[in-house]
PDB file of N, CA and C in Angstrom:
ATOM      1  N   MET A   1     -59.601 -26.158 -64.619  1.00  0.00           N
ATOM      2  CA  MET A   1     -58.530 -25.433 -65.279  1.00  0.00           C
ATOM      3  C   MET A   1     -58.274 -26.090 -66.640  1.00  0.00           C
ATOM      4  N   ASN A   2     -58.286 -25.295 -67.706  1.00  0.00           N
ATOM      5  CA  ASN A   2     -58.068 -25.860 -69.029  1.00  0.00           C
ATOM      6  C   ASN A   2     -56.574 -25.909 -69.373  1.00  0.00           C
ATOM      7  N   LYS A   3     -56.262 -26.473 -70.525  1.00  0.00           N
ATOM      8  CA  LYS A   3     -54.856 -26.653 -70.910  1.00  0.00           C
ATOM      9  C   LYS A   3     -54.122 -25.327 -71.078  1.00  0.00           C
ATOM     10  N   TYR A   4     -54.818 -24.321 -71.589  1.00  0.00           N
ATOM     11  CA  TYR A   4     -54.182 -23.005 -71.724  1.00  0.00           C
ATOM     12  C   TYR A   4     -53.753 -22.486 -70.360  1.00  0.00           C
ATOM     13  N   GLU A   5     -54.639 -22.541 -69.392  1.00  0.00           N
ATOM     14  CA  GLU A   5     -54.333 -22.054 -68.047  1.00  0.00           C
ATOM     15  C   GLU A   5     -53.206 -22.861 -67.412  1.00  0.00           C
ATOM     16  N   LYS A   6     -53.238 -24.189 -67.583  1.00  0.00           N
ATOM     17  CA  LYS A   6     -52.175 -25.032 -67.034  1.00  0.00           C
ATOM     18  C   LYS A   6     -50.830 -24.706 -67.670  1.00  0.00           C
ATOM     19  N   THR A   7     -50.844 -24.488 -68.960  1.00  0.00           N
ATOM     20  CA  THR A   7     -49.610 -24.175 -69.672  1.00  0.00           C
ATOM     21  C   THR A   7     -49.043 -22.841 -69.210  1.00  0.00           C
ATOM     22  N   GLN A   8     -49.895 -21.854 -69.022  1.00  0.00           N
ATOM     23  CA  GLN A   8     -49.446 -20.527 -68.614  1.00  0.00           C
ATOM     24  C   GLN A   8     -48.806 -20.521 -67.223  1.00  0.00           C
ATOM     25  N   LYS A   9     -49.172 -21.459 -66.383  1.00  0.00           N
ATOM     26  CA  LYS A   9     -48.631 -21.516 -65.026  1.00  0.00           C
ATOM     27  C   LYS A   9     -47.237 -22.150 -64.973  1.00  0.00           C
ATOM     28  N   GLN A  10     -46.775 -22.682 -66.089  1.00  0.00           N
ATOM     29  CA  GLN A  10     -45.480 -23.345 -66.131  1.00  0.00           C
ATOM     30  C   GLN A  10     -44.329 -22.337 -66.097  1.00  0.00           C
ATOM     31  N   GLU A  11     -43.197 -22.777 -65.552  1.00  0.00           N
ATOM     32  CA  GLU A  11     -41.980 -21.969 -65.604  1.00  0.00           C
ATOM     33  C   GLU A  11     -41.552 -21.846 -67.056  1.00  0.00           C
ATOM     34  N   ASP A  12     -40.718 -20.850 -67.357  1.00  0.00           N
ATOM     35  CA  ASP A  12     -40.315 -20.587 -68.738  1.00  0.00           C
ATOM     36  C   ASP A  12     -39.732 -21.815 -69.441  1.00  0.00           C
ATOM     37  N   GLN A  13     -38.868 -22.543 -68.754  1.00  0.00           N
ATOM     38  CA  GLN A  13     -38.229 -23.702 -69.374  1.00  0.00           C
ATOM     39  C   GLN A  13     -39.257 -24.796 -69.699  1.00  0.00           C
ATOM     40  N   ASN A  14     -40.128 -25.095 -68.751  1.00  0.00           N
ATOM     41  CA  ASN A  14     -41.170 -26.094 -68.993  1.00  0.00           C
ATOM     42  C   ASN A  14     -42.155 -25.628 -70.055  1.00  0.00           C
ATOM     43  N   PHE A  15     -42.456 -24.342 -70.061  1.00  0.00           N
ATOM     44  CA  PHE A  15     -43.370 -23.789 -71.061  1.00  0.00           C
ATOM     45  C   PHE A  15     -42.839 -24.067 -72.460  1.00  0.00           C
ATOM     46  N   LYS A  16     -41.552 -23.817 -72.661  1.00  0.00           N
ATOM     47  CA  LYS A  16     -40.965 -24.045 -73.984  1.00  0.00           C
ATOM     48  C   LYS A  16     -40.935 -25.528 -74.335  1.00  0.00           C
ATOM     49  N   LEU A  17     -40.686 -26.389 -73.361  1.00  0.00           N
ATOM     50  CA  LEU A  17     -40.690 -27.826 -73.631  1.00  0.00           C
ATOM     51  C   LEU A  17     -42.087 -28.313 -74.032  1.00  0.00           C
ATOM     52  N   ILE A  18     -43.100 -27.724 -73.454  1.00  0.00           N
ATOM     53  CA  ILE A  18     -44.475 -28.137 -73.740  1.00  0.00           C
ATOM     54  C   ILE A  18     -44.958 -27.583 -75.083  1.00  0.00           C
ATOM     55  N   THR A  19     -44.703 -26.289 -75.330  1.00  0.00           N
ATOM     56  CA  THR A  19     -45.268 -25.635 -76.510  1.00  0.00           C
ATOM     57  C   THR A  19     -44.316 -25.540 -77.698  1.00  0.00           C
ATOM     58  N   GLY A  20     -43.031 -25.577 -77.432  1.00  0.00           N
ATOM     59  CA  GLY A  20     -42.052 -25.417 -78.506  1.00  0.00           C
ATOM     60  C   GLY A  20     -41.652 -23.973 -78.743  1.00  0.00           C
ATOM     61  N   VAL A  21     -42.260 -23.037 -77.997  1.00  0.00           N
ATOM     62  CA  VAL A  21     -41.920 -21.616 -78.113  1.00  0.00           C
ATOM     63  C   VAL A  21     -41.779 -21.015 -76.714  1.00  0.00           C
ATOM     64  N   THR A  22     -41.092 -19.883 -76.645  1.00  0.00           N
ATOM     65  CA  THR A  22     -40.969 -19.191 -75.364  1.00  0.00           C
ATOM     66  C   THR A  22     -42.274 -18.450 -75.069  1.00  0.00           C
ATOM     67  N   LYS A  23     -42.416 -18.003 -73.824  1.00  0.00           N
ATOM     68  CA  LYS A  23     -43.613 -17.237 -73.466  1.00  0.00           C
ATOM     69  C   LYS A  23     -43.684 -15.936 -74.254  1.00  0.00           C
ATOM     70  N   ALA A  24     -42.529 -15.325 -74.526  1.00  0.00           N
ATOM     71  CA  ALA A  24     -42.512 -14.073 -75.296  1.00  0.00           C
ATOM     72  C   ALA A  24     -43.026 -14.308 -76.713  1.00  0.00           C
ATOM     73  N   VAL A  25     -42.600 -15.384 -77.352  1.00  0.00           N
ATOM     74  CA  VAL A  25     -43.061 -15.708 -78.701  1.00  0.00           C
ATOM     75  C   VAL A  25     -44.546 -16.056 -78.668  1.00  0.00           C
ATOM     76  N   PHE A  26     -44.969 -16.794 -77.653  1.00  0.00           N
ATOM     77  CA  PHE A  26     -46.382 -17.137 -77.500  1.00  0.00           C
ATOM     78  C   PHE A  26     -47.221 -15.864 -77.440  1.00  0.00           C
ATOM     79  N   GLU A  27     -46.787 -14.896 -76.642  1.00  0.00           N
ATOM     80  CA  GLU A  27     -47.531 -13.646 -76.497  1.00  0.00           C
ATOM     81  C   GLU A  27     -47.587 -12.871 -77.807  1.00  0.00           C
ATOM     82  N   LYS A  28     -46.498 -12.884 -78.588  1.00  0.00           N
ATOM     83  CA  LYS A  28     -46.509 -12.212 -79.893  1.00  0.00           C
ATOM     84  C   LYS A  28     -47.489 -12.894 -80.834  1.00  0.00           C
ATOM     85  N   MET A  29     -47.474 -14.213 -80.849  1.00  0.00           N
ATOM     86  CA  MET A  29     -48.401 -14.960 -81.686  1.00  0.00           C
ATOM     87  C   MET A  29     -49.837 -14.666 -81.270  1.00  0.00           C
ATOM     88  N   LEU A  30     -50.082 -14.659 -79.982  1.00  0.00           N
ATOM     89  CA  LEU A  30     -51.417 -14.407 -79.447  1.00  0.00           C
ATOM     90  C   LEU A  30     -51.908 -13.008 -79.828  1.00  0.00           C
ATOM     91  N   LYS A  31     -51.025 -12.039 -79.759  1.00  0.00           N
ATOM     92  CA  LYS A  31     -51.383 -10.661 -80.121  1.00  0.00           C
ATOM     93  C   LYS A  31     -51.810 -10.585 -81.592  1.00  0.00           C
ATOM     94  N   ILE A  32     -51.079 -11.253 -82.470  1.00  0.00           N
ATOM     95  CA  ILE A  32     -51.403 -11.281 -83.898  1.00  0.00           C
ATOM     96  C   ILE A  32     -52.771 -11.929 -84.111  1.00  0.00           C
ATOM     97  N   LEU A  33     -52.991 -13.068 -83.463  1.00  0.00           N
ATOM     98  CA  LEU A  33     -54.248 -13.799 -83.629  1.00  0.00           C
ATOM     99  C   LEU A  33     -55.436 -13.007 -83.095  1.00  0.00           C
ATOM    100  N   LYS A  34     -55.274 -12.375 -81.943  1.00  0.00           N
ATOM    101  CA  LYS A  34     -56.370 -11.587 -81.367  1.00  0.00           C
ATOM    102  C   LYS A  34     -56.703 -10.387 -82.250  1.00  0.00           C
ATOM    103  N   LYS A  35     -55.678  -9.734 -82.769  1.00  0.00           N
ATOM    104  CA  LYS A  35     -55.906  -8.571 -83.643  1.00  0.00           C
ATOM    105  C   LYS A  35     -56.686  -9.010 -84.878  1.00  0.00           C
ATOM    106  N   TYR A  36     -56.296 -10.115 -85.479  1.00  0.00           N
ATOM    107  CA  TYR A  36     -57.001 -10.616 -86.660  1.00  0.00           C
ATOM    108  C   TYR A  36     -58.429 -11.018 -86.296  1.00  0.00           C
ATOM    109  N   TYR A  37     -58.586 -11.719 -85.183  1.00  0.00           N
ATOM    110  CA  TYR A  37     -59.923 -12.161 -84.767  1.00  0.00           C
ATOM    111  C   TYR A  37     -60.854 -10.969 -84.572  1.00  0.00           C
ATOM    112  N   GLN A  38     -60.362  -9.950 -83.894  1.00  0.00           N
ATOM    113  CA  GLN A  38     -61.187  -8.769 -83.624  1.00  0.00           C
ATOM    114  C   GLN A  38     -61.560  -8.034 -84.905  1.00  0.00           C
ATOM    115  N   SER A  39     -60.688  -8.071 -85.899  1.00  0.00           N
ATOM    116  CA  SER A  39     -60.979  -7.362 -87.150  1.00  0.00           C
ATOM    117  C   SER A  39     -61.941  -8.131 -88.051  1.00  0.00           C
ATOM    118  N   THR A  40     -62.103  -9.420 -87.817  1.00  0.00           N
ATOM    119  CA  THR A  40     -62.938 -10.232 -88.711  1.00  0.00           C
ATOM    120  C   THR A  40     -64.237 -10.725 -88.087  1.00  0.00           C
ATOM    121  N   HIS A  41     -64.435 -10.532 -86.797  1.00  0.00           N
ATOM    122  CA  HIS A  41     -65.646 -11.021 -86.131  1.00  0.00           C
ATOM    123  C   HIS A  41     -66.424  -9.858 -85.529  1.00  0.00           C
ATOM    124  N   ARG A  42     -67.714  -9.993 -85.556  1.00  0.00           N
ATOM    125  CA  ARG A  42     -68.584  -8.962 -84.995  1.00  0.00           C
ATOM    126  C   ARG A  42     -68.550  -9.007 -83.468  1.00  0.00           C
ATOM    127  N   LYS A  43     -68.727  -7.852 -82.874  1.00  0.00           N
ATOM    128  CA  LYS A  43     -68.807  -7.785 -81.415  1.00  0.00           C
ATOM    129  C   LYS A  43     -70.054  -8.515 -80.963  1.00  0.00           C
ATOM    130  N   GLY A  44     -69.943  -9.233 -79.883  1.00  0.00           N
ATOM    131  CA  GLY A  44     -71.077  -9.965 -79.343  1.00  0.00           C
ATOM    132  C   GLY A  44     -71.238 -11.356 -79.928  1.00  0.00           C
ATOM    133  N   GLU A  45     -70.492 -11.641 -81.008  1.00  0.00           N
ATOM    134  CA  GLU A  45     -70.567 -12.967 -81.612  1.00  0.00           C
ATOM    135  C   GLU A  45     -69.899 -13.974 -80.674  1.00  0.00           C
ATOM    136  N   LYS A  46     -70.549 -15.079 -80.448  1.00  0.00           N
ATOM    137  CA  LYS A  46     -70.039 -16.072 -79.510  1.00  0.00           C
ATOM    138  C   LYS A  46     -68.873 -16.845 -80.112  1.00  0.00           C
ATOM    139  N   LYS A  47     -67.786 -16.906 -79.356  1.00  0.00           N
ATOM    140  CA  LYS A  47     -66.633 -17.696 -79.768  1.00  0.00           C
ATOM    141  C   LYS A  47     -66.852 -19.123 -79.296  1.00  0.00           C
ATOM    142  N   VAL A  48     -66.566 -20.070 -80.167  1.00  0.00           N
ATOM    143  CA  VAL A  48     -66.652 -21.467 -79.748  1.00  0.00           C
ATOM    144  C   VAL A  48     -65.486 -21.763 -78.822  1.00  0.00           C
ATOM    145  N   LEU A  49     -64.302 -21.362 -79.229  1.00  0.00           N
ATOM    146  CA  LEU A  49     -63.109 -21.519 -78.402  1.00  0.00           C
ATOM    147  C   LEU A  49     -62.330 -20.200 -78.409  1.00  0.00           C
ATOM    148  N   SER A  50     -61.746 -19.850 -77.288  1.00  0.00           N
ATOM    149  CA  SER A  50     -60.990 -18.601 -77.210  1.00  0.00           C
ATOM    150  C   SER A  50     -59.754 -18.673 -78.104  1.00  0.00           C
ATOM    151  N   VAL A  51     -59.245 -17.521 -78.450  1.00  0.00           N
ATOM    152  CA  VAL A  51     -58.046 -17.445 -79.282  1.00  0.00           C
ATOM    153  C   VAL A  51     -56.863 -18.079 -78.544  1.00  0.00           C
ATOM    154  N   GLU A  52     -56.786 -17.872 -77.247  1.00  0.00           N
ATOM    155  CA  GLU A  52     -55.710 -18.473 -76.449  1.00  0.00           C
ATOM    156  C   GLU A  52     -55.761 -20.000 -76.530  1.00  0.00           C
ATOM    157  N   PHE A  53     -56.951 -20.526 -76.427  1.00  0.00           N
ATOM    158  CA  PHE A  53     -57.154 -21.968 -76.474  1.00  0.00           C
ATOM    159  C   PHE A  53     -56.790 -22.515 -77.848  1.00  0.00           C
ATOM    160  N   ARG A  54     -57.179 -21.783 -78.900  1.00  0.00           N
ATOM    161  CA  ARG A  54     -56.860 -22.195 -80.269  1.00  0.00           C
ATOM    162  C   ARG A  54     -55.354 -22.276 -80.482  1.00  0.00           C
ATOM    163  N   LEU A  55     -54.643 -21.254 -80.002  1.00  0.00           N
ATOM    164  CA  LEU A  55     -53.187 -21.238 -80.157  1.00  0.00           C
ATOM    165  C   LEU A  55     -52.548 -22.373 -79.373  1.00  0.00           C
ATOM    166  N   THR A  56     -53.022 -22.613 -78.173  1.00  0.00           N
ATOM    167  CA  THR A  56     -52.489 -23.711 -77.359  1.00  0.00           C
ATOM    168  C   THR A  56     -52.686 -25.053 -78.066  1.00  0.00           C
ATOM    169  N   MET A  57     -53.853 -25.266 -78.644  1.00  0.00           N
ATOM    170  CA  MET A  57     -54.115 -26.515 -79.378  1.00  0.00           C
ATOM    171  C   MET A  57     -53.172 -26.663 -80.562  1.00  0.00           C
ATOM    172  N   ALA A  58     -53.009 -25.590 -81.333  1.00  0.00           N
ATOM    173  CA  ALA A  58     -52.158 -25.648 -82.518  1.00  0.00           C
ATOM    174  C   ALA A  58     -50.712 -25.942 -82.128  1.00  0.00           C
ATOM    175  N   LEU A  59     -50.227 -25.272 -81.098  1.00  0.00           N
ATOM    176  CA  LEU A  59     -48.845 -25.507 -80.663  1.00  0.00           C
ATOM    177  C   LEU A  59     -48.650 -26.939 -80.178  1.00  0.00           C
ATOM    178  N   GLU A  60     -49.622 -27.459 -79.465  1.00  0.00           N
ATOM    179  CA  GLU A  60     -49.523 -28.841 -79.011  1.00  0.00           C
ATOM    180  C   GLU A  60     -49.501 -29.805 -80.197  1.00  0.00           C
ATOM    181  N   TYR A  61     -50.329 -29.535 -81.179  1.00  0.00           N
ATOM    182  CA  TYR A  61     -50.367 -30.392 -82.363  1.00  0.00           C
ATOM    183  C   TYR A  61     -49.025 -30.344 -83.096  1.00  0.00           C
ATOM    184  N   TRP A  62     -48.491 -29.147 -83.307  1.00  0.00           N
ATOM    185  CA  TRP A  62     -47.219 -29.014 -84.023  1.00  0.00           C
ATOM    186  C   TRP A  62     -46.059 -29.603 -83.224  1.00  0.00           C
ATOM    187  N   ARG A  63     -46.095 -29.427 -81.919  1.00  0.00           N
ATOM    188  CA  ARG A  63     -44.985 -29.875 -81.065  1.00  0.00           C
ATOM    189  C   ARG A  63     -44.952 -31.395 -80.927  1.00  0.00           C
ATOM    190  N   LYS A  64     -46.105 -31.993 -80.723  1.00  0.00           N
ATOM    191  CA  LYS A  64     -46.145 -33.416 -80.392  1.00  0.00           C
ATOM    192  C   LYS A  64     -46.615 -34.297 -81.538  1.00  0.00           C
ATOM    193  N   TYR A  65     -47.203 -33.718 -82.562  1.00  0.00           N
ATOM    194  CA  TYR A  65     -47.781 -34.473 -83.679  1.00  0.00           C
ATOM    195  C   TYR A  65     -48.713 -35.576 -83.201  1.00  0.00           C
ATOM    196  N   ARG A  66     -49.528 -35.230 -82.212  1.00  0.00           N
ATOM    197  CA  ARG A  66     -50.548 -36.167 -81.737  1.00  0.00           C
ATOM    198  C   ARG A  66     -51.630 -36.278 -82.796  1.00  0.00           C
ATOM    199  N   SER A  67     -52.342 -37.367 -82.770  1.00  0.00           N
ATOM    200  CA  SER A  67     -53.444 -37.487 -83.723  1.00  0.00           C
ATOM    201  C   SER A  67     -54.551 -36.529 -83.306  1.00  0.00           C
ATOM    202  N   MET A  68     -55.257 -36.019 -84.295  1.00  0.00           N
ATOM    203  CA  MET A  68     -56.351 -35.092 -84.004  1.00  0.00           C
ATOM    204  C   MET A  68     -57.470 -35.795 -83.249  1.00  0.00           C
ATOM    205  N   ARG A  69     -57.628 -37.061 -83.476  1.00  0.00           N
ATOM    206  CA  ARG A  69     -58.662 -37.826 -82.760  1.00  0.00           C
ATOM    207  C   ARG A  69     -58.378 -37.810 -81.251  1.00  0.00           C
ATOM    208  N   HIS A  70     -57.115 -38.053 -80.865  1.00  0.00           N
ATOM    209  CA  HIS A  70     -56.767 -38.048 -79.444  1.00  0.00           C
ATOM    210  C   HIS A  70     -56.870 -36.647 -78.851  1.00  0.00           C
ATOM    211  N   MET A  71     -56.411 -35.656 -79.618  1.00  0.00           N
ATOM    212  CA  MET A  71     -56.494 -34.284 -79.119  1.00  0.00           C
ATOM    213  C   MET A  71     -57.947 -33.847 -78.963  1.00  0.00           C
ATOM    214  N   ALA A  72     -58.790 -34.234 -79.895  1.00  0.00           N
ATOM    215  CA  ALA A  72     -60.210 -33.867 -79.817  1.00  0.00           C
ATOM    216  C   ALA A  72     -60.838 -34.439 -78.548  1.00  0.00           C
ATOM    217  N   LEU A  73     -60.450 -35.647 -78.180  1.00  0.00           N
ATOM    218  CA  LEU A  73     -60.950 -36.232 -76.927  1.00  0.00           C
ATOM    219  C   LEU A  73     -60.480 -35.433 -75.722  1.00  0.00           C
ATOM    220  N   ASP A  74     -59.197 -35.057 -75.714  1.00  0.00           N
ATOM    221  CA  ASP A  74     -58.645 -34.288 -74.597  1.00  0.00           C
ATOM    222  C   ASP A  74     -59.284 -32.908 -74.476  1.00  0.00           C
ATOM    223  N   TYR A  75     -59.472 -32.260 -75.607  1.00  0.00           N
ATOM    224  CA  TYR A  75     -60.008 -30.903 -75.596  1.00  0.00           C
ATOM    225  C   TYR A  75     -61.541 -30.857 -75.599  1.00  0.00           C
ATOM    226  N   LYS A  76     -62.140 -32.028 -75.745  1.00  0.00           N
ATOM    227  CA  LYS A  76     -63.609 -32.147 -75.728  1.00  0.00           C
ATOM    228  C   LYS A  76     -64.273 -31.310 -76.825  1.00  0.00           C
ATOM    229  N   VAL A  77     -63.703 -31.415 -78.029  1.00  0.00           N
ATOM    230  CA  VAL A  77     -64.267 -30.771 -79.212  1.00  0.00           C
ATOM    231  C   VAL A  77     -64.272 -31.787 -80.344  1.00  0.00           C
ATOM    232  N   PRO A  78     -65.130 -31.607 -81.334  1.00  0.00           N
ATOM    233  CA  PRO A  78     -65.102 -32.506 -82.491  1.00  0.00           C
ATOM    234  C   PRO A  78     -63.776 -32.376 -83.246  1.00  0.00           C
ATOM    235  N   LYS A  79     -63.372 -33.449 -83.868  1.00  0.00           N
ATOM    236  CA  LYS A  79     -62.122 -33.453 -84.630  1.00  0.00           C
ATOM    237  C   LYS A  79     -62.147 -32.378 -85.717  1.00  0.00           C
ATOM    238  N   SER A  80     -63.291 -32.167 -86.332  1.00  0.00           N
ATOM    239  CA  SER A  80     -63.401 -31.158 -87.391  1.00  0.00           C
ATOM    240  C   SER A  80     -63.164 -29.746 -86.844  1.00  0.00           C
ATOM    241  N   THR A  81     -63.617 -29.488 -85.635  1.00  0.00           N
ATOM    242  CA  THR A  81     -63.398 -28.183 -85.000  1.00  0.00           C
ATOM    243  C   THR A  81     -61.928 -27.978 -84.712  1.00  0.00           C
ATOM    244  N   LEU A  82     -61.298 -29.002 -84.179  1.00  0.00           N
ATOM    245  CA  LEU A  82     -59.859 -28.945 -83.896  1.00  0.00           C
ATOM    246  C   LEU A  82     -59.092 -28.639 -85.172  1.00  0.00           C
ATOM    247  N   TYR A  83     -59.396 -29.360 -86.237  1.00  0.00           N
ATOM    248  CA  TYR A  83     -58.738 -29.165 -87.525  1.00  0.00           C
ATOM    249  C   TYR A  83     -58.938 -27.736 -88.017  1.00  0.00           C
ATOM    250  N   LYS A  84     -60.172 -27.247 -87.952  1.00  0.00           N
ATOM    251  CA  LYS A  84     -60.509 -25.902 -88.428  1.00  0.00           C
ATOM    252  C   LYS A  84     -59.689 -24.842 -87.695  1.00  0.00           C
ATOM    253  N   TYR A  85     -59.556 -24.979 -86.394  1.00  0.00           N
ATOM    254  CA  TYR A  85     -58.838 -23.968 -85.630  1.00  0.00           C
ATOM    255  C   TYR A  85     -57.323 -24.058 -85.812  1.00  0.00           C
ATOM    256  N   ILE A  86     -56.789 -25.242 -85.972  1.00  0.00           N
ATOM    257  CA  ILE A  86     -55.354 -25.360 -86.237  1.00  0.00           C
ATOM    258  C   ILE A  86     -55.027 -24.716 -87.578  1.00  0.00           C
ATOM    259  N   ILE A  87     -55.845 -24.966 -88.590  1.00  0.00           N
ATOM    260  CA  ILE A  87     -55.648 -24.350 -89.902  1.00  0.00           C
ATOM    261  C   ILE A  87     -55.801 -22.834 -89.808  1.00  0.00           C
ATOM    262  N   TRP A  88     -56.776 -22.367 -89.025  1.00  0.00           N
ATOM    263  CA  TRP A  88     -56.980 -20.927 -88.838  1.00  0.00           C
ATOM    264  C   TRP A  88     -55.732 -20.282 -88.245  1.00  0.00           C
ATOM    265  N   VAL A  89     -55.179 -20.883 -87.184  1.00  0.00           N
ATOM    266  CA  VAL A  89     -53.971 -20.347 -86.550  1.00  0.00           C
ATOM    267  C   VAL A  89     -52.827 -20.325 -87.565  1.00  0.00           C
ATOM    268  N   GLU A  90     -52.633 -21.403 -88.305  1.00  0.00           N
ATOM    269  CA  GLU A  90     -51.568 -21.458 -89.306  1.00  0.00           C
ATOM    270  C   GLU A  90     -51.721 -20.355 -90.343  1.00  0.00           C
ATOM    271  N   ASP A  91     -52.917 -20.202 -90.880  1.00  0.00           N
ATOM    272  CA  ASP A  91     -53.151 -19.205 -91.928  1.00  0.00           C
ATOM    273  C   ASP A  91     -52.922 -17.789 -91.432  1.00  0.00           C
ATOM    274  N   VAL A  92     -53.444 -17.468 -90.267  1.00  0.00           N
ATOM    275  CA  VAL A  92     -53.298 -16.110 -89.742  1.00  0.00           C
ATOM    276  C   VAL A  92     -51.826 -15.792 -89.462  1.00  0.00           C
ATOM    277  N   LEU A  93     -51.114 -16.718 -88.834  1.00  0.00           N
ATOM    278  CA  LEU A  93     -49.706 -16.473 -88.527  1.00  0.00           C
ATOM    279  C   LEU A  93     -48.850 -16.408 -89.793  1.00  0.00           C
ATOM    280  N   ARG A  94     -49.174 -17.224 -90.771  1.00  0.00           N
ATOM    281  CA  ARG A  94     -48.417 -17.209 -92.028  1.00  0.00           C
ATOM    282  C   ARG A  94     -48.591 -15.870 -92.747  1.00  0.00           C
ATOM    283  N   ARG A  95     -49.808 -15.307 -92.710  1.00  0.00           N
ATOM    284  CA  ARG A  95     -50.087 -14.037 -93.391  1.00  0.00           C
ATOM    285  C   ARG A  95     -49.505 -12.826 -92.654  1.00  0.00           C
ATOM    286  N   SER A  96     -49.214 -12.991 -91.389  1.00  0.00           N
ATOM    287  CA  SER A  96     -48.715 -11.847 -90.614  1.00  0.00           C
ATOM    288  C   SER A  96     -47.240 -11.587 -90.940  1.00  0.00           C
ATOM    289  N   GLU A  97     -46.816 -10.424 -90.614  1.00  0.00           N
ATOM    290  CA  GLU A  97     -45.411 -10.083 -90.839  1.00  0.00           C
ATOM    291  C   GLU A  97     -44.581 -10.669 -89.740  1.00  0.00           C
TER     292      GLU A  97
END
């Protein structure tokens, strides 16, 4: 079970303590990110990390301000990949209404 799945199983109060947002806000953010992802990527193109996973990583980084080196170890991705996806989430959400 990955961190996204573990986070989703949490009660509403714990979910907000972990991510910094409510489940409703998380779902709105996820909808925006998925819509953007689908409009910019070709069908059949392999995703390195799912959009849900990317959002979970970004929220954890913003909430806890952990070092990217430690997060990269936990998520089993290179630090550069983690950085790229956090920036991607920030940019897409900032551009959305």
